[in-house]
Amino acid sequence: MEGVNQSLAISLDSLERGEKTECGDAWEARPFSQPQQVLLITLRLLSSNNWEQQMKGLFDIRHLAICHSEILLSRLHDVSVAITKEVKKHHSKVSGCVVVTLGELFKTLRKQMDHEVDRIASVLIPKLGDSSKLIREAADQSLGVMVVNVTTAHAKTALMATGVGHCNALVWKCAAKPLLTVMGHMGAEKLLSDTCGRTRLLLCALKVPHTSVGTVEDTGQLLGLKGLLTAQEFQSRMKGLALLLDHCKSNPQLISSNIFQIFGVLVLTLQDSHKRVSQQALEVFAVIIPIVRGALKPVMPHLMTAVLSNLNSKDSGIYAMAVKVLEAI
């Protein structure tokens, strides 16, 4: 128990500093004397309102997967439901550790996770667009582990169902990467022979990162802009918004012709956890909407959703700017 607590402290400190964490690899998992009892206690810990108890429950799940997989498998669906509920928590430490834990379950239990793939992918994929770079990278890694360990057909179904049609352009572009891995296993023809109408979207998803921007200079400007808008420091994200405004004024064609590449990261700033960033994003949108005009039409429904969510803000400045953006629209 002491080793687990020490590992918990190490992982929490790492998450607080924004460092990558393996959520417990520092301790050596040893068999529990009463694994059935531990599993029951763990399920209660996961449903707790105390984030430290939730983290302890997540460590114990990984412990059980390594040392008592047969016990864990007997309640795997219940465990899957309990864990995926936690990924939606607002506490970044819990959410981040959940994402890592799910990846570890895929690595440990492999194809025995097949029947839980759809549920887990449906909560991991949206995390590809999380405001936290740490969580985005963890989700990307866990999905990568998923596609090489579960049955290929299950991975394909889950990724196509949730990732390809996602409203966030950044999410479906990132979801295309594990789909390429799936394609390598089953072949492009079989992958694309679906009847769900998502094939067209997947070709779009794979093509977007290669969209021509005309010149090497434009490419560099776009990369710099996206880097600032997704930076960990809020000051950098604010600089990115200011740079976007400058580009819209000086080179509106650059923004208009690459709206899908930019919008996926840009919409995140409208829902940024830092109030100064979200308010500045609204201010910038109010100015650029008349400039880029028709180019926003394909993403307008998703833009509206992000703007409308700010009408619930208790911050008077954010609320006022959200109204101003709606007027501009």
C-alpha atoms as a PDB file:
ATOM      1  CA  MET A   1       0.000   0.000   0.000  1.00  0.00           C
ATOM      2  CA  GLU A   2       2.866   2.357   0.814  1.00  0.00           C
ATOM      3  CA  GLY A   3       4.298   1.852  -2.664  1.00  0.00           C
ATOM      4  CA  VAL A   4       0.974   2.666  -4.279  1.00  0.00           C
ATOM      5  CA  ASN A   5       0.612   5.846  -2.227  1.00  0.00           C
ATOM      6  CA  GLN A   6       4.125   6.927  -3.153  1.00  0.00           C
ATOM      7  CA  SER A   7       3.358   6.289  -6.820  1.00  0.00           C
ATOM      8  CA  LEU A   8       0.126   8.260  -6.492  1.00  0.00           C
ATOM      9  CA  ALA A   9       2.016  11.227  -5.061  1.00  0.00           C
ATOM     10  CA  ILE A  10       4.598  11.084  -7.858  1.00  0.00           C
ATOM     11  CA  SER A  11       1.924  10.958 -10.556  1.00  0.00           C
ATOM     12  CA  LEU A  12      -0.097  13.798  -9.047  1.00  0.00           C
ATOM     13  CA  ASP A  13       2.986  15.989  -8.801  1.00  0.00           C
ATOM     14  CA  SER A  14       3.805  15.251 -12.441  1.00  0.00           C
ATOM     15  CA  LEU A  15       0.315  16.122 -13.605  1.00  0.00           C
ATOM     16  CA  GLU A  16       0.387  19.343 -11.572  1.00  0.00           C
ATOM     17  CA  ARG A  17       3.595  20.357 -13.339  1.00  0.00           C
ATOM     18  CA  GLY A  18       2.145  19.408 -16.719  1.00  0.00           C
ATOM     19  CA  GLU A  19       4.617  16.576 -17.213  1.00  0.00           C
ATOM     20  CA  LYS A  20       3.891  13.234 -18.798  1.00  0.00           C
ATOM     21  CA  THR A  21       3.031  10.531 -16.284  1.00  0.00           C
ATOM     22  CA  GLU A  22       2.559   6.817 -16.541  1.00  0.00           C
ATOM     23  CA  CYS A  23       0.160   6.914 -13.562  1.00  0.00           C
ATOM     24  CA  GLY A  24       1.920   4.336 -11.469  1.00  0.00           C
ATOM     25  CA  ASP A  25       4.638   2.534 -13.431  1.00  0.00           C
ATOM     26  CA  ALA A  26       7.125   3.300 -10.647  1.00  0.00           C
ATOM     27  CA  TRP A  27       5.608   0.657  -8.354  1.00  0.00           C
ATOM     28  CA  GLU A  28       5.824  -3.094  -8.769  1.00  0.00           C
ATOM     29  CA  ALA A  29       2.396  -4.712  -8.883  1.00  0.00           C
ATOM     30  CA  ARG A  30       2.111  -7.660  -6.508  1.00  0.00           C
ATOM     31  CA  PRO A  31      -0.912  -9.958  -6.093  1.00  0.00           C
ATOM     32  CA  PHE A  32      -3.598  -8.910  -3.640  1.00  0.00           C
ATOM     33  CA  SER A  33      -4.458 -11.408  -0.901  1.00  0.00           C
ATOM     34  CA  GLN A  34      -8.197 -10.839  -1.479  1.00  0.00           C
ATOM     35  CA  PRO A  35      -8.608  -9.586  -5.066  1.00  0.00           C
ATOM     36  CA  GLN A  36     -12.398 -10.035  -5.129  1.00  0.00           C
ATOM     37  CA  GLN A  37     -12.734  -7.760  -2.119  1.00  0.00           C
ATOM     38  CA  VAL A  38     -10.324  -5.250  -3.662  1.00  0.00           C
ATOM     39  CA  LEU A  39     -12.424  -5.139  -6.844  1.00  0.00           C
ATOM     40  CA  LEU A  40     -15.589  -4.319  -4.883  1.00  0.00           C
ATOM     41  CA  ILE A  41     -13.789  -1.610  -2.934  1.00  0.00           C
ATOM     42  CA  THR A  42     -12.262  -0.245  -6.147  1.00  0.00           C
ATOM     43  CA  LEU A  43     -15.668   0.163  -7.805  1.00  0.00           C
ATOM     44  CA  ARG A  44     -16.786   2.183  -4.775  1.00  0.00           C
ATOM     45  CA  LEU A  45     -13.650   4.311  -4.950  1.00  0.00           C
ATOM     46  CA  LEU A  46     -14.296   5.122  -8.601  1.00  0.00           C
ATOM     47  CA  SER A  47     -17.785   6.380  -7.802  1.00  0.00           C
ATOM     48  CA  SER A  48     -16.514   8.576  -4.962  1.00  0.00           C
ATOM     49  CA  ASN A  49     -16.720  12.361  -5.096  1.00  0.00           C
ATOM     50  CA  ASN A  50     -13.182  12.545  -3.694  1.00  0.00           C
ATOM     51  CA  TRP A  51     -10.669  12.803  -6.539  1.00  0.00           C
ATOM     52  CA  GLU A  52      -7.869  11.210  -4.499  1.00  0.00           C
ATOM     53  CA  GLN A  53     -10.030   8.137  -3.885  1.00  0.00           C
ATOM     54  CA  GLN A  54     -10.858   8.035  -7.587  1.00  0.00           C
ATOM     55  CA  MET A  55      -7.148   8.093  -8.409  1.00  0.00           C
ATOM     56  CA  LYS A  56      -6.532   5.268  -5.912  1.00  0.00           C
ATOM     57  CA  GLY A  57      -9.294   3.271  -7.605  1.00  0.00           C
ATOM     58  CA  LEU A  58      -7.653   3.761 -10.996  1.00  0.00           C
ATOM     59  CA  PHE A  59      -4.320   2.467  -9.688  1.00  0.00           C
ATOM     60  CA  ASP A  60      -6.032  -0.584  -8.245  1.00  0.00           C
ATOM     61  CA  ILE A  61      -7.741  -1.310 -11.569  1.00  0.00           C
ATOM     62  CA  ARG A  62      -4.372  -1.459 -13.281  1.00  0.00           C
ATOM     63  CA  HIS A  63      -3.037  -3.563 -10.412  1.00  0.00           C
ATOM     64  CA  LEU A  64      -5.905  -6.034 -10.836  1.00  0.00           C
ATOM     65  CA  ALA A  65      -5.434  -6.146 -14.612  1.00  0.00           C
ATOM     66  CA  ILE A  66      -1.794  -7.119 -14.197  1.00  0.00           C
ATOM     67  CA  CYS A  67      -2.070  -9.578 -11.305  1.00  0.00           C
ATOM     68  CA  HIS A  68      -5.691 -10.763 -11.311  1.00  0.00           C
ATOM     69  CA  SER A  69      -7.005 -10.397 -14.853  1.00  0.00           C
ATOM     70  CA  GLU A  70      -9.501 -13.238 -14.382  1.00  0.00           C
ATOM     71  CA  ILE A  71     -11.104 -11.372 -11.461  1.00  0.00           C
ATOM     72  CA  LEU A  72     -11.225  -8.114 -13.376  1.00  0.00           C
ATOM     73  CA  LEU A  73     -12.687  -9.796 -16.442  1.00  0.00           C
ATOM     74  CA  SER A  74     -15.594 -11.137 -14.391  1.00  0.00           C
ATOM     75  CA  ARG A  75     -16.761  -7.526 -13.899  1.00  0.00           C
ATOM     76  CA  LEU A  76     -15.117  -5.924 -16.929  1.00  0.00           C
ATOM     77  CA  HIS A  77     -18.263  -4.201 -18.205  1.00  0.00           C
ATOM     78  CA  ASP A  78     -18.976  -2.680 -14.783  1.00  0.00           C
ATOM     79  CA  VAL A  79     -15.383  -1.535 -14.549  1.00  0.00           C
ATOM     80  CA  SER A  80     -15.536  -0.043 -18.053  1.00  0.00           C
ATOM     81  CA  VAL A  81     -18.700   1.895 -17.238  1.00  0.00           C
ATOM     82  CA  ALA A  82     -17.236   3.174 -13.950  1.00  0.00           C
ATOM     83  CA  ILE A  83     -13.961   4.310 -15.541  1.00  0.00           C
ATOM     84  CA  THR A  84     -15.471   5.985 -18.599  1.00  0.00           C
ATOM     85  CA  LYS A  85     -17.752   8.037 -16.358  1.00  0.00           C
ATOM     86  CA  GLU A  86     -14.649   9.455 -14.689  1.00  0.00           C
ATOM     87  CA  VAL A  87     -13.065  10.650 -17.955  1.00  0.00           C
ATOM     88  CA  LYS A  88     -15.760  13.327 -18.134  1.00  0.00           C
ATOM     89  CA  LYS A  89     -14.799  14.744 -14.751  1.00  0.00           C
ATOM     90  CA  HIS A  90     -13.582  18.321 -14.752  1.00  0.00           C
ATOM     91  CA  HIS A  91     -10.609  17.467 -12.513  1.00  0.00           C
ATOM     92  CA  SER A  92      -7.752  17.241 -14.993  1.00  0.00           C
ATOM     93  CA  LYS A  93      -5.701  14.876 -12.816  1.00  0.00           C
ATOM     94  CA  VAL A  94      -8.491  12.317 -12.702  1.00  0.00           C
ATOM     95  CA  SER A  95      -9.373  12.736 -16.381  1.00  0.00           C
ATOM     96  CA  GLY A  96      -5.747  12.443 -17.465  1.00  0.00           C
ATOM     97  CA  CYS A  97      -5.114   9.351 -15.363  1.00  0.00           C
ATOM     98  CA  VAL A  98      -8.317   7.726 -16.674  1.00  0.00           C
ATOM     99  CA  VAL A  99      -7.113   8.193 -20.248  1.00  0.00           C
ATOM    100  CA  VAL A 100      -3.755   6.576 -19.415  1.00  0.00           C
ATOM    101  CA  THR A 101      -5.413   3.760 -17.459  1.00  0.00           C
ATOM    102  CA  LEU A 102      -7.664   2.882 -20.402  1.00  0.00           C
ATOM    103  CA  GLY A 103      -4.606   2.587 -22.615  1.00  0.00           C
ATOM    104  CA  GLU A 104      -2.995   0.281 -20.068  1.00  0.00           C
ATOM    105  CA  LEU A 105      -6.096  -1.924 -19.988  1.00  0.00           C
ATOM    106  CA  PHE A 106      -5.906  -2.323 -23.767  1.00  0.00           C
ATOM    107  CA  LYS A 107      -2.222  -3.188 -23.462  1.00  0.00           C
ATOM    108  CA  THR A 108      -2.798  -5.747 -20.683  1.00  0.00           C
ATOM    109  CA  LEU A 109      -6.135  -7.360 -21.623  1.00  0.00           C
ATOM    110  CA  ARG A 110      -5.820  -6.988 -25.410  1.00  0.00           C
ATOM    111  CA  LYS A 111      -8.672  -8.657 -27.362  1.00  0.00           C
ATOM    112  CA  GLN A 112     -10.565  -9.341 -24.154  1.00  0.00           C
ATOM    113  CA  MET A 113     -11.417  -5.620 -24.326  1.00  0.00           C
ATOM    114  CA  ASP A 114     -13.221  -6.016 -27.682  1.00  0.00           C
ATOM    115  CA  HIS A 115     -16.741  -5.598 -26.322  1.00  0.00           C
ATOM    116  CA  GLU A 116     -15.807  -2.395 -24.485  1.00  0.00           C
ATOM    117  CA  VAL A 117     -14.083  -0.697 -27.427  1.00  0.00           C
ATOM    118  CA  ASP A 118     -17.092   1.320 -28.613  1.00  0.00           C
ATOM    119  CA  ARG A 119     -17.791   2.731 -25.160  1.00  0.00           C
ATOM    120  CA  ILE A 120     -14.175   3.574 -24.421  1.00  0.00           C
ATOM    121  CA  ALA A 121     -13.424   5.057 -27.841  1.00  0.00           C
ATOM    122  CA  SER A 122     -16.483   7.295 -27.525  1.00  0.00           C
ATOM    123  CA  VAL A 123     -14.903   9.017 -24.509  1.00  0.00           C
ATOM    124  CA  LEU A 124     -11.252   8.847 -25.605  1.00  0.00           C
ATOM    125  CA  ILE A 125     -11.752  10.350 -29.062  1.00  0.00           C
ATOM    126  CA  PRO A 126     -13.270  13.664 -27.846  1.00  0.00           C
ATOM    127  CA  LYS A 127     -10.226  14.025 -25.576  1.00  0.00           C
ATOM    128  CA  LEU A 128      -8.127  14.468 -28.722  1.00  0.00           C
ATOM    129  CA  GLY A 129      -9.525  17.997 -28.740  1.00  0.00           C
ATOM    130  CA  ASP A 130      -9.074  18.686 -25.015  1.00  0.00           C
ATOM    131  CA  SER A 131      -7.685  22.072 -23.969  1.00  0.00           C
ATOM    132  CA  SER A 132      -4.922  20.263 -22.042  1.00  0.00           C
ATOM    133  CA  LYS A 133      -1.999  19.222 -24.223  1.00  0.00           C
ATOM    134  CA  LEU A 134      -1.145  16.487 -21.708  1.00  0.00           C
ATOM    135  CA  ILE A 135      -4.600  14.909 -22.009  1.00  0.00           C
ATOM    136  CA  ARG A 136      -4.626  15.259 -25.816  1.00  0.00           C
ATOM    137  CA  GLU A 137      -1.311  13.409 -26.063  1.00  0.00           C
ATOM    138  CA  ALA A 138      -2.440  10.730 -23.578  1.00  0.00           C
ATOM    139  CA  ALA A 139      -5.655  10.147 -25.550  1.00  0.00           C
ATOM    140  CA  ASP A 140      -3.692   9.878 -28.798  1.00  0.00           C
ATOM    141  CA  GLN A 141      -1.333   7.333 -27.224  1.00  0.00           C
ATOM    142  CA  SER A 142      -4.142   5.260 -25.676  1.00  0.00           C
ATOM    143  CA  LEU A 143      -6.032   5.092 -28.973  1.00  0.00           C
ATOM    144  CA  GLY A 144      -2.833   3.979 -30.655  1.00  0.00           C
ATOM    145  CA  VAL A 145      -2.486   1.179 -28.088  1.00  0.00           C
ATOM    146  CA  MET A 146      -6.143   0.255 -28.643  1.00  0.00           C
ATOM    147  CA  VAL A 147      -5.907  -0.262 -32.405  1.00  0.00           C
ATOM    148  CA  VAL A 148      -2.913  -2.611 -32.179  1.00  0.00           C
ATOM    149  CA  ASN A 149      -4.311  -4.750 -29.357  1.00  0.00           C
ATOM    150  CA  VAL A 150      -8.036  -5.261 -30.015  1.00  0.00           C
ATOM    151  CA  THR A 151      -9.683  -7.006 -32.961  1.00  0.00           C
ATOM    152  CA  THR A 152      -9.233  -4.833 -36.048  1.00  0.00           C
ATOM    153  CA  ALA A 153     -12.930  -4.850 -36.965  1.00  0.00           C
ATOM    154  CA  HIS A 154     -13.894  -3.537 -33.524  1.00  0.00           C
ATOM    155  CA  ALA A 155     -11.288  -0.769 -33.733  1.00  0.00           C
ATOM    156  CA  LYS A 156     -12.547   0.248 -37.178  1.00  0.00           C
ATOM    157  CA  THR A 157     -16.180   0.419 -36.072  1.00  0.00           C
ATOM    158  CA  ALA A 158     -15.375   2.507 -32.997  1.00  0.00           C
ATOM    159  CA  LEU A 159     -13.146   4.978 -34.818  1.00  0.00           C
ATOM    160  CA  MET A 160     -15.549   5.398 -37.721  1.00  0.00           C
ATOM    161  CA  ALA A 161     -18.548   5.854 -35.426  1.00  0.00           C
ATOM    162  CA  THR A 162     -17.098   8.519 -33.143  1.00  0.00           C
ATOM    163  CA  GLY A 163     -13.993   9.996 -34.728  1.00  0.00           C
ATOM    164  CA  VAL A 164     -14.633  10.527 -38.410  1.00  0.00           C
ATOM    165  CA  GLY A 165     -17.916  12.375 -38.006  1.00  0.00           C
ATOM    166  CA  HIS A 166     -16.896  14.450 -34.982  1.00  0.00           C
ATOM    167  CA  CYS A 167     -17.838  18.134 -35.119  1.00  0.00           C
ATOM    168  CA  ASN A 168     -14.352  19.232 -34.028  1.00  0.00           C
ATOM    169  CA  ALA A 169     -12.011  19.253 -37.030  1.00  0.00           C
ATOM    170  CA  LEU A 170      -8.959  18.729 -34.799  1.00  0.00           C
ATOM    171  CA  VAL A 171     -10.539  15.611 -33.312  1.00  0.00           C
ATOM    172  CA  TRP A 172     -11.391  13.928 -36.592  1.00  0.00           C
ATOM    173  CA  LYS A 173      -7.989  14.744 -38.054  1.00  0.00           C
ATOM    174  CA  CYS A 174      -6.325  13.099 -35.040  1.00  0.00           C
ATOM    175  CA  ALA A 175      -8.733  10.157 -35.218  1.00  0.00           C
ATOM    176  CA  ALA A 176      -7.615   9.583 -38.812  1.00  0.00           C
ATOM    177  CA  LYS A 177      -4.135   8.570 -37.586  1.00  0.00           C
ATOM    178  CA  PRO A 178      -5.177   5.362 -35.767  1.00  0.00           C
ATOM    179  CA  LEU A 179      -7.478   4.646 -38.724  1.00  0.00           C
ATOM    180  CA  LEU A 180      -4.391   4.547 -40.928  1.00  0.00           C
ATOM    181  CA  THR A 181      -3.026   1.856 -38.595  1.00  0.00           C
ATOM    182  CA  VAL A 182      -6.274  -0.084 -38.962  1.00  0.00           C
ATOM    183  CA  MET A 183      -6.041   0.342 -42.737  1.00  0.00           C
ATOM    184  CA  GLY A 184      -2.594  -1.228 -42.641  1.00  0.00           C
ATOM    185  CA  HIS A 185      -4.021  -4.298 -40.902  1.00  0.00           C
ATOM    186  CA  MET A 186      -7.156  -4.865 -42.970  1.00  0.00           C
ATOM    187  CA  GLY A 187      -6.454  -3.054 -46.237  1.00  0.00           C
ATOM    188  CA  ALA A 188      -7.940   0.159 -47.563  1.00  0.00           C
ATOM    189  CA  GLU A 189     -10.623  -1.523 -49.691  1.00  0.00           C
ATOM    190  CA  LYS A 190     -12.112  -3.433 -46.770  1.00  0.00           C
ATOM    191  CA  LEU A 191     -11.843  -0.459 -44.434  1.00  0.00           C
ATOM    192  CA  LEU A 192     -13.702   1.820 -46.794  1.00  0.00           C
ATOM    193  CA  SER A 193     -16.394  -0.687 -47.784  1.00  0.00           C
ATOM    194  CA  ASP A 194     -18.817   0.581 -45.147  1.00  0.00           C
ATOM    195  CA  THR A 195     -22.453   1.485 -45.662  1.00  0.00           C
ATOM    196  CA  CYS A 196     -22.689   4.120 -42.956  1.00  0.00           C
ATOM    197  CA  GLY A 197     -21.937   7.086 -45.212  1.00  0.00           C
ATOM    198  CA  ARG A 198     -18.722   7.911 -43.381  1.00  0.00           C
ATOM    199  CA  THR A 199     -16.301   7.000 -46.137  1.00  0.00           C
ATOM    200  CA  ARG A 200     -16.543  10.449 -47.696  1.00  0.00           C
ATOM    201  CA  LEU A 201     -15.778  12.099 -44.356  1.00  0.00           C
ATOM    202  CA  LEU A 202     -12.722   9.809 -43.816  1.00  0.00           C
ATOM    203  CA  LEU A 203     -11.213  10.819 -47.149  1.00  0.00           C
ATOM    204  CA  CYS A 204     -11.737  14.418 -46.140  1.00  0.00           C
ATOM    205  CA  ALA A 205     -10.075  13.703 -42.802  1.00  0.00           C
ATOM    206  CA  LEU A 206      -7.008  12.175 -44.399  1.00  0.00           C
ATOM    207  CA  LYS A 207      -6.695  14.965 -46.969  1.00  0.00           C
ATOM    208  CA  VAL A 208      -6.994  17.967 -44.642  1.00  0.00           C
ATOM    209  CA  PRO A 209      -3.447  17.848 -43.216  1.00  0.00           C
ATOM    210  CA  HIS A 210      -2.114  17.951 -46.795  1.00  0.00           C
ATOM    211  CA  THR A 211      -4.225  20.902 -47.986  1.00  0.00           C
ATOM    212  CA  SER A 212      -2.159  23.172 -50.172  1.00  0.00           C
ATOM    213  CA  VAL A 213      -1.601  26.640 -48.800  1.00  0.00           C
ATOM    214  CA  GLY A 214       0.165  28.019 -51.812  1.00  0.00           C
ATOM    215  CA  THR A 215       3.607  28.843 -50.474  1.00  0.00           C
ATOM    216  CA  VAL A 216       6.167  27.644 -47.979  1.00  0.00           C
ATOM    217  CA  GLU A 217       5.780  30.965 -46.171  1.00  0.00           C
ATOM    218  CA  ASP A 218       2.041  30.396 -45.719  1.00  0.00           C
ATOM    219  CA  THR A 219       2.705  26.907 -44.375  1.00  0.00           C
ATOM    220  CA  GLY A 220       5.077  28.317 -41.795  1.00  0.00           C
ATOM    221  CA  GLN A 221       2.559  30.960 -40.769  1.00  0.00           C
ATOM    222  CA  LEU A 222      -0.163  28.344 -40.284  1.00  0.00           C
ATOM    223  CA  LEU A 223       2.080  26.083 -38.216  1.00  0.00           C
ATOM    224  CA  GLY A 224       3.128  29.010 -36.039  1.00  0.00           C
ATOM    225  CA  LEU A 225      -0.484  30.067 -35.562  1.00  0.00           C
ATOM    226  CA  LYS A 226      -1.687  26.587 -34.633  1.00  0.00           C
ATOM    227  CA  GLY A 227       1.265  26.137 -32.287  1.00  0.00           C
ATOM    228  CA  LEU A 228       0.341  29.282 -30.354  1.00  0.00           C
ATOM    229  CA  LEU A 229      -3.394  28.485 -30.243  1.00  0.00           C
ATOM    230  CA  THR A 230      -2.704  25.049 -28.715  1.00  0.00           C
ATOM    231  CA  ALA A 231       0.116  26.118 -26.388  1.00  0.00           C
ATOM    232  CA  GLN A 232      -0.015  25.108 -22.741  1.00  0.00           C
ATOM    233  CA  GLU A 233       0.524  28.674 -21.464  1.00  0.00           C
ATOM    234  CA  PHE A 234      -2.583  30.840 -21.707  1.00  0.00           C
ATOM    235  CA  GLN A 235      -0.452  33.871 -22.624  1.00  0.00           C
ATOM    236  CA  SER A 236       0.711  32.030 -25.759  1.00  0.00           C
ATOM    237  CA  ARG A 237      -2.863  31.155 -26.702  1.00  0.00           C
ATOM    238  CA  MET A 238      -3.761  34.843 -26.397  1.00  0.00           C
ATOM    239  CA  LYS A 239      -0.809  35.726 -28.650  1.00  0.00           C
ATOM    240  CA  GLY A 240      -2.151  33.186 -31.128  1.00  0.00           C
ATOM    241  CA  LEU A 241      -5.530  34.932 -31.175  1.00  0.00           C
ATOM    242  CA  ALA A 242      -3.862  38.291 -31.755  1.00  0.00           C
ATOM    243  CA  LEU A 243      -1.821  36.750 -34.583  1.00  0.00           C
ATOM    244  CA  LEU A 244      -4.973  35.286 -36.134  1.00  0.00           C
ATOM    245  CA  LEU A 245      -6.540  38.731 -36.158  1.00  0.00           C
ATOM    246  CA  ASP A 246      -3.440  40.164 -37.848  1.00  0.00           C
ATOM    247  CA  HIS A 247      -3.521  37.430 -40.526  1.00  0.00           C
ATOM    248  CA  CYS A 248      -7.217  38.046 -41.176  1.00  0.00           C
ATOM    249  CA  LYS A 249      -6.550  41.724 -41.762  1.00  0.00           C
ATOM    250  CA  SER A 250      -3.365  41.365 -43.789  1.00  0.00           C
ATOM    251  CA  ASN A 251      -4.011  38.072 -45.621  1.00  0.00           C
ATOM    252  CA  PRO A 252      -7.671  36.996 -45.314  1.00  0.00           C
ATOM    253  CA  GLN A 253      -7.237  34.496 -48.164  1.00  0.00           C
ATOM    254  CA  LEU A 254      -4.773  32.505 -46.047  1.00  0.00           C
ATOM    255  CA  ILE A 255      -7.419  32.048 -43.362  1.00  0.00           C
ATOM    256  CA  SER A 256     -10.344  31.515 -45.734  1.00  0.00           C
ATOM    257  CA  SER A 257      -8.627  28.839 -47.795  1.00  0.00           C
ATOM    258  CA  ASN A 258      -7.485  26.923 -44.702  1.00  0.00           C
ATOM    259  CA  ILE A 259     -10.532  27.327 -42.495  1.00  0.00           C
ATOM    260  CA  PHE A 260     -10.821  23.603 -41.756  1.00  0.00           C
ATOM    261  CA  GLN A 261      -7.201  23.382 -40.633  1.00  0.00           C
ATOM    262  CA  ILE A 262      -7.560  26.400 -38.370  1.00  0.00           C
ATOM    263  CA  PHE A 263     -11.073  25.962 -37.065  1.00  0.00           C
ATOM    264  CA  GLY A 264     -10.402  22.740 -35.149  1.00  0.00           C
ATOM    265  CA  VAL A 265      -7.919  24.454 -32.831  1.00  0.00           C
ATOM    266  CA  LEU A 266      -9.582  27.848 -32.949  1.00  0.00           C
ATOM    267  CA  VAL A 267     -12.930  26.667 -31.599  1.00  0.00           C
ATOM    268  CA  LEU A 268     -11.121  25.299 -28.525  1.00  0.00           C
ATOM    269  CA  THR A 269     -10.247  28.845 -27.509  1.00  0.00           C
ATOM    270  CA  LEU A 270     -13.949  29.766 -27.433  1.00  0.00           C
ATOM    271  CA  GLN A 271     -14.397  27.180 -24.695  1.00  0.00           C
ATOM    272  CA  ASP A 272     -11.019  27.672 -23.049  1.00  0.00           C
ATOM    273  CA  SER A 273     -10.827  27.038 -19.309  1.00  0.00           C
ATOM    274  CA  HIS A 274      -9.038  30.385 -18.894  1.00  0.00           C
ATOM    275  CA  LYS A 275     -11.586  33.218 -18.986  1.00  0.00           C
ATOM    276  CA  ARG A 276      -9.196  35.745 -20.514  1.00  0.00           C
ATOM    277  CA  VAL A 277      -8.565  33.422 -23.450  1.00  0.00           C
ATOM    278  CA  SER A 278     -12.227  32.634 -24.108  1.00  0.00           C
ATOM    279  CA  GLN A 279     -13.187  36.313 -23.898  1.00  0.00           C
ATOM    280  CA  GLN A 280     -10.405  37.338 -26.290  1.00  0.00           C
ATOM    281  CA  ALA A 281     -11.448  34.537 -28.657  1.00  0.00           C
ATOM    282  CA  LEU A 282     -14.970  35.938 -28.735  1.00  0.00           C
ATOM    283  CA  GLU A 283     -13.617  39.453 -29.340  1.00  0.00           C
ATOM    284  CA  VAL A 284     -11.491  38.200 -32.244  1.00  0.00           C
ATOM    285  CA  PHE A 285     -14.390  36.265 -33.760  1.00  0.00           C
ATOM    286  CA  ALA A 286     -16.613  39.339 -33.641  1.00  0.00           C
ATOM    287  CA  VAL A 287     -14.024  41.167 -35.761  1.00  0.00           C
ATOM    288  CA  ILE A 288     -13.069  38.432 -38.222  1.00  0.00           C
ATOM    289  CA  ILE A 289     -16.578  37.173 -39.082  1.00  0.00           C
ATOM    290  CA  PRO A 290     -17.272  40.093 -41.462  1.00  0.00           C
ATOM    291  CA  ILE A 291     -13.806  39.643 -42.985  1.00  0.00           C
ATOM    292  CA  VAL A 292     -13.860  35.918 -43.838  1.00  0.00           C
ATOM    293  CA  ARG A 293     -17.650  35.786 -44.307  1.00  0.00           C
ATOM    294  CA  GLY A 294     -18.587  32.900 -46.610  1.00  0.00           C
ATOM    295  CA  ALA A 295     -15.552  30.808 -45.665  1.00  0.00           C
ATOM    296  CA  LEU A 296     -17.142  30.145 -42.268  1.00  0.00           C
ATOM    297  CA  LYS A 297     -20.307  28.598 -43.727  1.00  0.00           C
ATOM    298  CA  PRO A 298     -19.116  24.949 -43.563  1.00  0.00           C
ATOM    299  CA  VAL A 299     -18.211  25.287 -39.859  1.00  0.00           C
ATOM    300  CA  MET A 300     -20.924  27.732 -38.833  1.00  0.00           C
ATOM    301  CA  PRO A 301     -23.118  25.188 -36.949  1.00  0.00           C
ATOM    302  CA  HIS A 302     -20.193  24.172 -34.749  1.00  0.00           C
ATOM    303  CA  LEU A 303     -19.155  27.793 -34.289  1.00  0.00           C
ATOM    304  CA  MET A 304     -22.679  28.635 -33.160  1.00  0.00           C
ATOM    305  CA  THR A 305     -22.640  25.794 -30.641  1.00  0.00           C
ATOM    306  CA  ALA A 306     -19.361  27.025 -29.133  1.00  0.00           C
ATOM    307  CA  VAL A 307     -20.553  30.636 -28.985  1.00  0.00           C
ATOM    308  CA  LEU A 308     -23.931  29.762 -27.486  1.00  0.00           C
ATOM    309  CA  SER A 309     -22.241  27.811 -24.687  1.00  0.00           C
ATOM    310  CA  ASN A 310     -20.734  31.128 -23.536  1.00  0.00           C
ATOM    311  CA  LEU A 311     -24.190  32.602 -22.980  1.00  0.00           C
ATOM    312  CA  ASN A 312     -24.323  30.482 -19.826  1.00  0.00           C
ATOM    313  CA  SER A 313     -21.217  32.165 -18.443  1.00  0.00           C
ATOM    314  CA  LYS A 314     -21.536  34.048 -15.161  1.00  0.00           C
ATOM    315  CA  ASP A 315     -18.786  36.385 -16.371  1.00  0.00           C
ATOM    316  CA  SER A 316     -20.493  39.528 -17.692  1.00  0.00           C
ATOM    317  CA  GLY A 317     -17.643  40.269 -20.126  1.00  0.00           C
ATOM    318  CA  ILE A 318     -17.814  36.822 -21.730  1.00  0.00           C
ATOM    319  CA  TYR A 319     -21.602  36.967 -21.939  1.00  0.00           C
ATOM    320  CA  ALA A 320     -21.518  40.406 -23.576  1.00  0.00           C
ATOM    321  CA  MET A 321     -18.937  39.311 -26.153  1.00  0.00           C
ATOM    322  CA  ALA A 322     -20.921  36.139 -26.955  1.00  0.00           C
ATOM    323  CA  VAL A 323     -23.918  38.354 -27.724  1.00  0.00           C
ATOM    324  CA  LYS A 324     -21.716  40.559 -29.896  1.00  0.00           C
ATOM    325  CA  VAL A 325     -20.487  37.546 -31.881  1.00  0.00           C
ATOM    326  CA  LEU A 326     -24.044  36.354 -32.448  1.00  0.00           C
ATOM    327  CA  GLU A 327     -24.917  39.833 -33.750  1.00  0.00           C
ATOM    328  CA  ALA A 328     -21.942  39.653 -36.118  1.00  0.00           C
ATOM    329  CA  ILE A 329     -23.070  36.258 -37.353  1.00  0.00           C
END
